[in-house]
Amino acid sequence: MKPDTKNSGMKERRKAAPLARALDQSEDVQIKVEEAAEDLSTVNATLKHDPATTGAQRREVKQALAKSAEIEVKVQECSDELETVNNALTEELDERADLEHQLSRSKTALSASRAQEKQSRHDALYDGVTGLSNMTLFKNRLDNALSQAQRHDWRLAVMFIDLDEFKSINDRYGHDVGDRVLQAVARRLEALVRGGDTVGRRGGDEFLFLMLEAKDEANAVNFASVLIERIGEACEVDGASLTVSSSVGIALYPEDGRTAQELLKHADLAMYAAKQQRKGVVLHSQMPPE
């Protein structure tokens, strides 16, 4: 059975965009105008003859005048069709402008959504005051570091850092000043990060430091002493010179624990021992058995 090419062609024309249809119609109008111009040229040529010469010429003039009337009708039709084309073009351009506006709004909304998603991911992994890794991200990095340490037989150290008597700064100067001191401490800790080390904030005035490739206990203690020295440098805030001391507890892998939970717990216990004993740094291995 042969396909119905006529109906198929009609369907395709119905599917054509309004702008394409309008342009096709504009071409039709142009053809009609050109035909009218040729007819009018013929009429003008006929009218140039002297109508009083012969009867035959008078008949030609009458026919020319009648043709001129037909041309006027055709020109009016062309004018009406051209107005339809212009209306169609205007409608199409308005629709396209509306679509472009909607597309622009969609792009803006998508951009805002992506920015919000990025901000949400950042808020879920980083501390809002200092910008350091929060506990979620720190634990994730500690888990990854432990996997590498187990595979390559490396030693690492988890350091629990607490600022001594930080509450007095908040009480005397306010939380805004206290936050700026925390931010200064965070930048100093970040400056000591080496390679795959990680520094994070546990909350309040407590920080965490993951030291990779800790050679031995002495190496870890010496590095913790550097942390304490840097933290103890004066912070200039609104004309006030503020200083804070700190206490550090250290848990080593694999001696003091083989999991993130064990190492964090033992570093926390060692930190409290350091605060109570005012020793600055305490290794979990130096504490009496629980």
C-alpha atoms as a PDB file:
ATOM      1  CA  MET A   1       0.000   0.000   0.000  1.00  0.00           C
ATOM      2  CA  LYS A   2       1.414   3.379  -1.049  1.00  0.00           C
ATOM      3  CA  PRO A   3       1.724   5.993   1.665  1.00  0.00           C
ATOM      4  CA  ASP A   4      -0.706   8.899   1.556  1.00  0.00           C
ATOM      5  CA  THR A   5       1.837  11.557   0.601  1.00  0.00           C
ATOM      6  CA  LYS A   6      -0.787  14.284   0.456  1.00  0.00           C
ATOM      7  CA  ASN A   7      -2.048  13.739   4.019  1.00  0.00           C
ATOM      8  CA  SER A   8       1.502  13.228   5.221  1.00  0.00           C
ATOM      9  CA  GLY A   9       2.551  16.541   3.733  1.00  0.00           C
ATOM     10  CA  MET A  10      -0.401  18.305   5.380  1.00  0.00           C
ATOM     11  CA  LYS A  11       0.534  16.857   8.765  1.00  0.00           C
ATOM     12  CA  GLU A  12       4.102  18.028   8.353  1.00  0.00           C
ATOM     13  CA  ARG A  13       2.916  21.529   7.477  1.00  0.00           C
ATOM     14  CA  ARG A  14       0.721  21.594  10.597  1.00  0.00           C
ATOM     15  CA  LYS A  15       3.763  20.686  12.667  1.00  0.00           C
ATOM     16  CA  ALA A  16       5.815  23.513  11.159  1.00  0.00           C
ATOM     17  CA  ALA A  17       6.745  26.331  13.512  1.00  0.00           C
ATOM     18  CA  PRO A  18       4.599  29.506  13.305  1.00  0.00           C
ATOM     19  CA  LEU A  19       7.628  31.505  12.250  1.00  0.00           C
ATOM     20  CA  ALA A  20       8.359  29.165   9.325  1.00  0.00           C
ATOM     21  CA  ARG A  21       4.725  29.313   8.203  1.00  0.00           C
ATOM     22  CA  ALA A  22       4.775  33.094   8.410  1.00  0.00           C
ATOM     23  CA  LEU A  23       7.918  33.299   6.316  1.00  0.00           C
ATOM     24  CA  ASP A  24       6.409  30.983   3.697  1.00  0.00           C
ATOM     25  CA  GLN A  25       3.323  33.182   3.584  1.00  0.00           C
ATOM     26  CA  SER A  26       5.541  36.259   3.262  1.00  0.00           C
ATOM     27  CA  GLU A  27       7.167  34.714   0.181  1.00  0.00           C
ATOM     28  CA  ASP A  28       3.697  34.093  -1.301  1.00  0.00           C
ATOM     29  CA  VAL A  29       2.815  37.737  -0.719  1.00  0.00           C
ATOM     30  CA  GLN A  30       6.033  38.832  -2.417  1.00  0.00           C
ATOM     31  CA  ILE A  31       5.193  36.734  -5.494  1.00  0.00           C
ATOM     32  CA  LYS A  32       1.707  38.268  -5.666  1.00  0.00           C
ATOM     33  CA  VAL A  33       3.132  41.775  -5.355  1.00  0.00           C
ATOM     34  CA  GLU A  34       5.582  41.091  -8.185  1.00  0.00           C
ATOM     35  CA  GLU A  35       2.725  39.788 -10.361  1.00  0.00           C
ATOM     36  CA  ALA A  36       0.660  42.877  -9.571  1.00  0.00           C
ATOM     37  CA  ALA A  37       3.602  45.108 -10.452  1.00  0.00           C
ATOM     38  CA  GLU A  38       3.949  43.398 -13.846  1.00  0.00           C
ATOM     39  CA  ASP A  39       0.222  43.746 -14.513  1.00  0.00           C
ATOM     40  CA  LEU A  40       0.299  47.385 -13.508  1.00  0.00           C
ATOM     41  CA  SER A  41       3.242  47.979 -15.824  1.00  0.00           C
ATOM     42  CA  THR A  42       1.194  46.502 -18.678  1.00  0.00           C
ATOM     43  CA  VAL A  43      -1.799  48.742 -17.798  1.00  0.00           C
ATOM     44  CA  ASN A  44       0.359  51.851 -17.728  1.00  0.00           C
ATOM     45  CA  ALA A  45       1.849  51.010 -21.100  1.00  0.00           C
ATOM     46  CA  THR A  46      -1.642  50.639 -22.580  1.00  0.00           C
ATOM     47  CA  LEU A  47      -2.927  53.883 -21.061  1.00  0.00           C
ATOM     48  CA  LYS A  48      -0.070  55.812 -22.618  1.00  0.00           C
ATOM     49  CA  HIS A  49      -1.700  55.340 -26.067  1.00  0.00           C
ATOM     50  CA  ASP A  50      -4.174  57.963 -27.326  1.00  0.00           C
ATOM     51  CA  PRO A  51      -7.606  56.551 -26.520  1.00  0.00           C
ATOM     52  CA  ALA A  52      -9.288  58.544 -29.337  1.00  0.00           C
ATOM     53  CA  THR A  53      -7.300  56.977 -32.163  1.00  0.00           C
ATOM     54  CA  THR A  54      -9.286  53.833 -32.993  1.00  0.00           C
ATOM     55  CA  GLY A  55     -12.076  51.727 -31.607  1.00  0.00           C
ATOM     56  CA  ALA A  56      -9.679  48.872 -31.002  1.00  0.00           C
ATOM     57  CA  GLN A  57      -7.483  51.079 -28.875  1.00  0.00           C
ATOM     58  CA  ARG A  58     -10.495  52.310 -26.898  1.00  0.00           C
ATOM     59  CA  ARG A  59     -11.361  48.673 -26.102  1.00  0.00           C
ATOM     60  CA  GLU A  60      -7.761  48.145 -24.926  1.00  0.00           C
ATOM     61  CA  VAL A  61      -8.074  51.156 -22.615  1.00  0.00           C
ATOM     62  CA  LYS A  62     -11.305  49.789 -21.118  1.00  0.00           C
ATOM     63  CA  GLN A  63      -9.684  46.429 -20.602  1.00  0.00           C
ATOM     64  CA  ALA A  64      -6.669  48.129 -19.043  1.00  0.00           C
ATOM     65  CA  LEU A  65      -8.856  50.112 -16.664  1.00  0.00           C
ATOM     66  CA  ALA A  66     -10.703  46.915 -15.680  1.00  0.00           C
ATOM     67  CA  LYS A  67      -7.339  45.200 -15.165  1.00  0.00           C
ATOM     68  CA  SER A  68      -6.235  48.122 -13.017  1.00  0.00           C
ATOM     69  CA  ALA A  69      -9.264  47.595 -10.778  1.00  0.00           C
ATOM     70  CA  GLU A  70      -8.357  43.904 -10.464  1.00  0.00           C
ATOM     71  CA  ILE A  71      -4.806  44.889  -9.556  1.00  0.00           C
ATOM     72  CA  GLU A  72      -6.110  47.197  -6.827  1.00  0.00           C
ATOM     73  CA  VAL A  73      -8.044  44.265  -5.366  1.00  0.00           C
ATOM     74  CA  LYS A  74      -4.931  42.066  -5.555  1.00  0.00           C
ATOM     75  CA  VAL A  75      -2.794  44.747  -3.891  1.00  0.00           C
ATOM     76  CA  GLN A  76      -5.364  45.074  -1.088  1.00  0.00           C
ATOM     77  CA  GLU A  77      -5.293  41.311  -0.636  1.00  0.00           C
ATOM     78  CA  CYS A  78      -1.493  41.440  -0.467  1.00  0.00           C
ATOM     79  CA  SER A  79      -1.722  44.216   2.114  1.00  0.00           C
ATOM     80  CA  ASP A  80      -4.141  42.153   4.234  1.00  0.00           C
ATOM     81  CA  GLU A  81      -1.969  39.055   3.931  1.00  0.00           C
ATOM     82  CA  LEU A  82       1.137  41.052   4.792  1.00  0.00           C
ATOM     83  CA  GLU A  83      -0.577  42.343   7.922  1.00  0.00           C
ATOM     84  CA  THR A  84      -1.363  38.733   8.867  1.00  0.00           C
ATOM     85  CA  VAL A  85       2.288  37.819   8.326  1.00  0.00           C
ATOM     86  CA  ASN A  86       3.457  40.724  10.476  1.00  0.00           C
ATOM     87  CA  ASN A  87       1.044  39.733  13.245  1.00  0.00           C
ATOM     88  CA  ALA A  88       2.288  36.135  13.072  1.00  0.00           C
ATOM     89  CA  LEU A  89       5.902  37.306  13.217  1.00  0.00           C
ATOM     90  CA  THR A  90       5.160  39.589  16.158  1.00  0.00           C
ATOM     91  CA  GLU A  91       3.392  36.744  17.991  1.00  0.00           C
ATOM     92  CA  GLU A  92       6.304  34.379  17.312  1.00  0.00           C
ATOM     93  CA  LEU A  93       8.874  36.927  18.489  1.00  0.00           C
ATOM     94  CA  ASP A  94       6.836  37.581  21.640  1.00  0.00           C
ATOM     95  CA  GLU A  95       6.672  33.834  22.305  1.00  0.00           C
ATOM     96  CA  ARG A  96      10.403  33.480  21.776  1.00  0.00           C
ATOM     97  CA  ALA A  97      11.102  36.429  24.065  1.00  0.00           C
ATOM     98  CA  ASP A  98       8.892  34.814  26.702  1.00  0.00           C
ATOM     99  CA  LEU A  99      10.699  31.487  26.278  1.00  0.00           C
ATOM    100  CA  GLU A 100      14.081  33.195  26.566  1.00  0.00           C
ATOM    101  CA  HIS A 101      12.890  34.943  29.724  1.00  0.00           C
ATOM    102  CA  GLN A 102      11.690  31.655  31.190  1.00  0.00           C
ATOM    103  CA  LEU A 103      14.977  29.992  30.209  1.00  0.00           C
ATOM    104  CA  SER A 104      16.930  32.794  31.869  1.00  0.00           C
ATOM    105  CA  ARG A 105      14.877  32.396  35.037  1.00  0.00           C
ATOM    106  CA  SER A 106      15.389  28.629  34.931  1.00  0.00           C
ATOM    107  CA  LYS A 107      19.155  29.080  34.560  1.00  0.00           C
ATOM    108  CA  THR A 108      19.164  31.525  37.463  1.00  0.00           C
ATOM    109  CA  ALA A 109      17.136  29.134  39.602  1.00  0.00           C
ATOM    110  CA  LEU A 110      19.418  26.231  38.646  1.00  0.00           C
ATOM    111  CA  SER A 111      22.505  28.275  39.472  1.00  0.00           C
ATOM    112  CA  ALA A 112      21.013  29.259  42.835  1.00  0.00           C
ATOM    113  CA  SER A 113      20.072  25.632  43.512  1.00  0.00           C
ATOM    114  CA  ARG A 114      23.598  24.438  42.735  1.00  0.00           C
ATOM    115  CA  ALA A 115      25.086  27.175  44.912  1.00  0.00           C
ATOM    116  CA  GLN A 116      22.724  26.207  47.732  1.00  0.00           C
ATOM    117  CA  GLU A 117      23.636  22.543  47.294  1.00  0.00           C
ATOM    118  CA  LYS A 118      27.345  23.406  47.383  1.00  0.00           C
ATOM    119  CA  GLN A 119      26.823  25.530  50.491  1.00  0.00           C
ATOM    120  CA  SER A 120      24.856  22.737  52.153  1.00  0.00           C
ATOM    121  CA  ARG A 121      27.653  20.249  51.458  1.00  0.00           C
ATOM    122  CA  HIS A 122      30.175  22.727  52.867  1.00  0.00           C
ATOM    123  CA  ASP A 123      28.079  23.343  55.985  1.00  0.00           C
ATOM    124  CA  ALA A 124      27.782  19.587  56.529  1.00  0.00           C
ATOM    125  CA  LEU A 125      31.565  19.095  56.534  1.00  0.00           C
ATOM    126  CA  TYR A 126      33.131  22.308  57.826  1.00  0.00           C
ATOM    127  CA  ASP A 127      32.934  24.280  61.042  1.00  0.00           C
ATOM    128  CA  GLY A 128      30.936  27.485  60.693  1.00  0.00           C
ATOM    129  CA  VAL A 129      33.208  29.657  62.879  1.00  0.00           C
ATOM    130  CA  THR A 130      36.731  28.598  61.900  1.00  0.00           C
ATOM    131  CA  GLY A 131      36.221  26.937  58.501  1.00  0.00           C
ATOM    132  CA  LEU A 132      38.130  23.880  59.709  1.00  0.00           C
ATOM    133  CA  SER A 133      36.943  20.317  59.184  1.00  0.00           C
ATOM    134  CA  ASN A 134      34.114  19.432  61.540  1.00  0.00           C
ATOM    135  CA  MET A 135      33.925  16.090  63.359  1.00  0.00           C
ATOM    136  CA  THR A 136      32.193  14.380  60.444  1.00  0.00           C
ATOM    137  CA  LEU A 137      34.927  15.252  57.959  1.00  0.00           C
ATOM    138  CA  PHE A 138      37.730  14.732  60.477  1.00  0.00           C
ATOM    139  CA  LYS A 139      36.508  11.205  61.301  1.00  0.00           C
ATOM    140  CA  ASN A 140      36.207  10.419  57.605  1.00  0.00           C
ATOM    141  CA  ARG A 141      39.785  11.514  56.975  1.00  0.00           C
ATOM    142  CA  LEU A 142      40.963   9.633  60.061  1.00  0.00           C
ATOM    143  CA  ASP A 143      39.288   6.457  58.782  1.00  0.00           C
ATOM    144  CA  ASN A 144      41.012   6.876  55.417  1.00  0.00           C
ATOM    145  CA  ALA A 145      44.350   7.525  57.097  1.00  0.00           C
ATOM    146  CA  LEU A 146      43.958   4.385  59.223  1.00  0.00           C
ATOM    147  CA  SER A 147      43.271   2.312  56.113  1.00  0.00           C
ATOM    148  CA  GLN A 148      46.517   3.572  54.584  1.00  0.00           C
ATOM    149  CA  ALA A 149      48.443   3.115  57.843  1.00  0.00           C
ATOM    150  CA  GLN A 150      47.271  -0.500  58.163  1.00  0.00           C
ATOM    151  CA  ARG A 151      48.162  -1.240  54.549  1.00  0.00           C
ATOM    152  CA  HIS A 152      51.634   0.339  54.640  1.00  0.00           C
ATOM    153  CA  ASP A 153      52.467  -0.267  58.316  1.00  0.00           C
ATOM    154  CA  TRP A 154      52.625   3.453  59.113  1.00  0.00           C
ATOM    155  CA  ARG A 155      52.319   5.140  62.505  1.00  0.00           C
ATOM    156  CA  LEU A 156      50.042   8.139  63.003  1.00  0.00           C
ATOM    157  CA  ALA A 157      49.039  10.351  65.932  1.00  0.00           C
ATOM    158  CA  VAL A 158      45.720  11.866  66.921  1.00  0.00           C
ATOM    159  CA  MET A 159      46.057  15.018  69.038  1.00  0.00           C
ATOM    160  CA  PHE A 160      43.225  16.423  71.133  1.00  0.00           C
ATOM    161  CA  ILE A 161      43.791  20.142  71.813  1.00  0.00           C
ATOM    162  CA  ASP A 162      41.934  22.204  74.434  1.00  0.00           C
ATOM    163  CA  LEU A 163      42.359  25.951  75.036  1.00  0.00           C
ATOM    164  CA  ASP A 164      42.903  26.635  78.727  1.00  0.00           C
ATOM    165  CA  GLU A 165      40.647  29.201  80.428  1.00  0.00           C
ATOM    166  CA  PHE A 166      39.176  30.312  77.116  1.00  0.00           C
ATOM    167  CA  LYS A 167      35.847  30.926  78.855  1.00  0.00           C
ATOM    168  CA  SER A 168      37.329  34.003  80.564  1.00  0.00           C
ATOM    169  CA  ILE A 169      37.870  35.655  77.143  1.00  0.00           C
ATOM    170  CA  ASN A 170      34.235  35.102  76.175  1.00  0.00           C
ATOM    171  CA  ASP A 171      33.039  36.369  79.553  1.00  0.00           C
ATOM    172  CA  ARG A 172      35.185  39.499  79.512  1.00  0.00           C
ATOM    173  CA  TYR A 173      35.213  40.495  75.838  1.00  0.00           C
ATOM    174  CA  GLY A 174      32.157  38.785  74.383  1.00  0.00           C
ATOM    175  CA  HIS A 175      31.624  35.894  71.985  1.00  0.00           C
ATOM    176  CA  ASP A 176      32.501  37.926  68.885  1.00  0.00           C
ATOM    177  CA  VAL A 177      36.007  38.501  70.205  1.00  0.00           C
ATOM    178  CA  GLY A 178      36.136  34.894  71.373  1.00  0.00           C
ATOM    179  CA  ASP A 179      35.273  33.699  67.850  1.00  0.00           C
ATOM    180  CA  ARG A 180      38.069  35.815  66.393  1.00  0.00           C
ATOM    181  CA  VAL A 181      40.542  34.243  68.801  1.00  0.00           C
ATOM    182  CA  LEU A 182      39.306  30.794  67.720  1.00  0.00           C
ATOM    183  CA  GLN A 183      39.791  31.817  64.097  1.00  0.00           C
ATOM    184  CA  ALA A 184      43.349  32.986  64.820  1.00  0.00           C
ATOM    185  CA  VAL A 185      44.141  29.664  66.520  1.00  0.00           C
ATOM    186  CA  ALA A 186      42.649  27.781  63.548  1.00  0.00           C
ATOM    187  CA  ARG A 187      44.875  29.653  61.070  1.00  0.00           C
ATOM    188  CA  ARG A 188      47.962  28.875  63.174  1.00  0.00           C
ATOM    189  CA  LEU A 189      47.100  25.191  63.295  1.00  0.00           C
ATOM    190  CA  GLU A 190      46.466  25.135  59.543  1.00  0.00           C
ATOM    191  CA  ALA A 191      49.901  26.675  58.971  1.00  0.00           C
ATOM    192  CA  LEU A 192      51.465  23.611  60.632  1.00  0.00           C
ATOM    193  CA  VAL A 193      49.644  21.065  58.462  1.00  0.00           C
ATOM    194  CA  ARG A 194      52.027  18.895  56.427  1.00  0.00           C
ATOM    195  CA  GLY A 195      51.021  16.811  53.435  1.00  0.00           C
ATOM    196  CA  GLY A 196      48.071  14.646  54.414  1.00  0.00           C
ATOM    197  CA  ASP A 197      47.729  16.037  57.964  1.00  0.00           C
ATOM    198  CA  THR A 198      44.295  17.292  58.970  1.00  0.00           C
ATOM    199  CA  VAL A 199      43.185  19.850  61.534  1.00  0.00           C
ATOM    200  CA  GLY A 200      39.580  20.123  62.723  1.00  0.00           C
ATOM    201  CA  ARG A 201      37.389  21.697  65.375  1.00  0.00           C
ATOM    202  CA  ARG A 202      35.519  19.421  67.738  1.00  0.00           C
ATOM    203  CA  GLY A 203      33.426  22.257  69.134  1.00  0.00           C
ATOM    204  CA  GLY A 204      33.718  24.963  71.770  1.00  0.00           C
ATOM    205  CA  ASP A 205      37.423  25.570  72.431  1.00  0.00           C
ATOM    206  CA  GLU A 206      38.543  22.053  71.402  1.00  0.00           C
ATOM    207  CA  PHE A 207      40.520  21.172  68.279  1.00  0.00           C
ATOM    208  CA  LEU A 208      41.861  17.980  66.708  1.00  0.00           C
ATOM    209  CA  PHE A 209      45.054  17.380  64.760  1.00  0.00           C
ATOM    210  CA  LEU A 210      45.794  14.274  62.704  1.00  0.00           C
ATOM    211  CA  MET A 211      49.542  13.828  62.295  1.00  0.00           C
ATOM    212  CA  LEU A 212      50.507  11.351  59.606  1.00  0.00           C
ATOM    213  CA  GLU A 213      53.777   9.437  59.606  1.00  0.00           C
ATOM    214  CA  ALA A 214      54.536  10.081  63.264  1.00  0.00           C
ATOM    215  CA  LYS A 215      57.938   8.449  63.690  1.00  0.00           C
ATOM    216  CA  ASP A 216      57.662   7.710  67.402  1.00  0.00           C
ATOM    217  CA  GLU A 217      56.370   9.097  70.708  1.00  0.00           C
ATOM    218  CA  ALA A 218      59.145  11.699  70.954  1.00  0.00           C
ATOM    219  CA  ASN A 219      58.393  12.956  67.452  1.00  0.00           C
ATOM    220  CA  ALA A 220      54.696  13.348  68.303  1.00  0.00           C
ATOM    221  CA  VAL A 221      55.425  15.104  71.622  1.00  0.00           C
ATOM    222  CA  ASN A 222      57.853  17.533  69.981  1.00  0.00           C
ATOM    223  CA  PHE A 223      55.283  18.415  67.315  1.00  0.00           C
ATOM    224  CA  ALA A 224      52.588  18.927  69.986  1.00  0.00           C
ATOM    225  CA  SER A 225      54.953  21.284  71.800  1.00  0.00           C
ATOM    226  CA  VAL A 226      55.247  23.342  68.612  1.00  0.00           C
ATOM    227  CA  LEU A 227      51.432  23.502  68.445  1.00  0.00           C
ATOM    228  CA  ILE A 228      51.241  24.772  72.014  1.00  0.00           C
ATOM    229  CA  GLU A 229      53.923  27.391  71.352  1.00  0.00           C
ATOM    230  CA  ARG A 230      52.180  28.721  68.246  1.00  0.00           C
ATOM    231  CA  ILE A 231      48.758  28.786  69.918  1.00  0.00           C
ATOM    232  CA  GLY A 232      50.247  30.724  72.841  1.00  0.00           C
ATOM    233  CA  GLU A 233      51.341  33.656  70.690  1.00  0.00           C
ATOM    234  CA  ALA A 234      49.403  36.847  71.393  1.00  0.00           C
ATOM    235  CA  CYS A 235      46.270  37.600  69.333  1.00  0.00           C
ATOM    236  CA  GLU A 236      45.640  41.265  68.555  1.00  0.00           C
ATOM    237  CA  VAL A 237      41.874  41.814  68.572  1.00  0.00           C
ATOM    238  CA  ASP A 238      40.373  45.340  68.567  1.00  0.00           C
ATOM    239  CA  GLY A 239      43.483  46.776  70.180  1.00  0.00           C
ATOM    240  CA  ALA A 240      43.616  44.117  72.885  1.00  0.00           C
ATOM    241  CA  SER A 241      46.498  41.656  73.106  1.00  0.00           C
ATOM    242  CA  LEU A 242      44.995  38.298  74.098  1.00  0.00           C
ATOM    243  CA  THR A 243      46.871  35.082  74.836  1.00  0.00           C
ATOM    244  CA  VAL A 244      45.635  31.545  75.429  1.00  0.00           C
ATOM    245  CA  SER A 245      47.474  28.484  76.601  1.00  0.00           C
ATOM    246  CA  SER A 246      46.532  24.953  75.592  1.00  0.00           C
ATOM    247  CA  SER A 247      46.696  21.315  76.649  1.00  0.00           C
ATOM    248  CA  VAL A 248      47.283  18.440  74.222  1.00  0.00           C
ATOM    249  CA  GLY A 249      46.530  14.738  74.589  1.00  0.00           C
ATOM    250  CA  ILE A 250      48.085  12.268  72.130  1.00  0.00           C
ATOM    251  CA  ALA A 251      47.037   8.778  71.046  1.00  0.00           C
ATOM    252  CA  LEU A 252      49.270   6.847  68.647  1.00  0.00           C
ATOM    253  CA  TYR A 253      48.328   4.200  66.125  1.00  0.00           C
ATOM    254  CA  PRO A 254      48.739   1.306  66.584  1.00  0.00           C
ATOM    255  CA  GLU A 255      49.919   1.450  70.221  1.00  0.00           C
ATOM    256  CA  ASP A 256      46.933   3.357  71.668  1.00  0.00           C
ATOM    257  CA  GLY A 257      44.176   2.099  69.382  1.00  0.00           C
ATOM    258  CA  ARG A 258      43.422   0.652  65.969  1.00  0.00           C
ATOM    259  CA  THR A 259      40.117   2.376  65.251  1.00  0.00           C
ATOM    260  CA  ALA A 260      39.109   6.038  64.949  1.00  0.00           C
ATOM    261  CA  GLN A 261      36.812   5.696  67.944  1.00  0.00           C
ATOM    262  CA  GLU A 262      39.569   4.265  70.158  1.00  0.00           C
ATOM    263  CA  LEU A 263      42.142   6.851  69.146  1.00  0.00           C
ATOM    264  CA  LEU A 264      39.770   9.802  69.655  1.00  0.00           C
ATOM    265  CA  LYS A 265      38.689   8.476  73.056  1.00  0.00           C
ATOM    266  CA  HIS A 266      42.255   7.901  74.245  1.00  0.00           C
ATOM    267  CA  ALA A 267      43.490  11.271  72.946  1.00  0.00           C
ATOM    268  CA  ASP A 268      40.588  12.922  74.808  1.00  0.00           C
ATOM    269  CA  LEU A 269      41.516  11.148  78.056  1.00  0.00           C
ATOM    270  CA  ALA A 270      45.158  12.157  77.658  1.00  0.00           C
ATOM    271  CA  MET A 271      44.122  15.795  77.073  1.00  0.00           C
ATOM    272  CA  TYR A 272      42.153  15.878  80.349  1.00  0.00           C
ATOM    273  CA  ALA A 273      45.176  14.421  82.129  1.00  0.00           C
ATOM    274  CA  ALA A 274      47.340  17.179  80.631  1.00  0.00           C
ATOM    275  CA  LYS A 275      44.904  19.860  81.877  1.00  0.00           C
ATOM    276  CA  GLN A 276      44.726  18.400  85.378  1.00  0.00           C
ATOM    277  CA  GLN A 277      48.465  17.950  85.644  1.00  0.00           C
ATOM    278  CA  ARG A 278      49.198  21.241  83.859  1.00  0.00           C
ATOM    279  CA  LYS A 279      51.831  19.388  81.847  1.00  0.00           C
ATOM    280  CA  GLY A 280      50.955  20.775  78.415  1.00  0.00           C
ATOM    281  CA  VAL A 281      51.335  17.437  76.608  1.00  0.00           C
ATOM    282  CA  VAL A 282      50.426  13.923  77.740  1.00  0.00           C
ATOM    283  CA  LEU A 283      50.715  10.662  75.799  1.00  0.00           C
ATOM    284  CA  HIS A 284      47.964   8.123  76.397  1.00  0.00           C
ATOM    285  CA  SER A 285      50.653   5.473  76.841  1.00  0.00           C
ATOM    286  CA  GLN A 286      51.980   7.434  79.838  1.00  0.00           C
ATOM    287  CA  MET A 287      48.662   7.314  81.675  1.00  0.00           C
ATOM    288  CA  PRO A 288      48.000   4.689  84.342  1.00  0.00           C
ATOM    289  CA  PRO A 289      45.892   1.712  83.204  1.00  0.00           C
ATOM    290  CA  GLU A 290      42.135   2.334  83.244  1.00  0.00           C
END
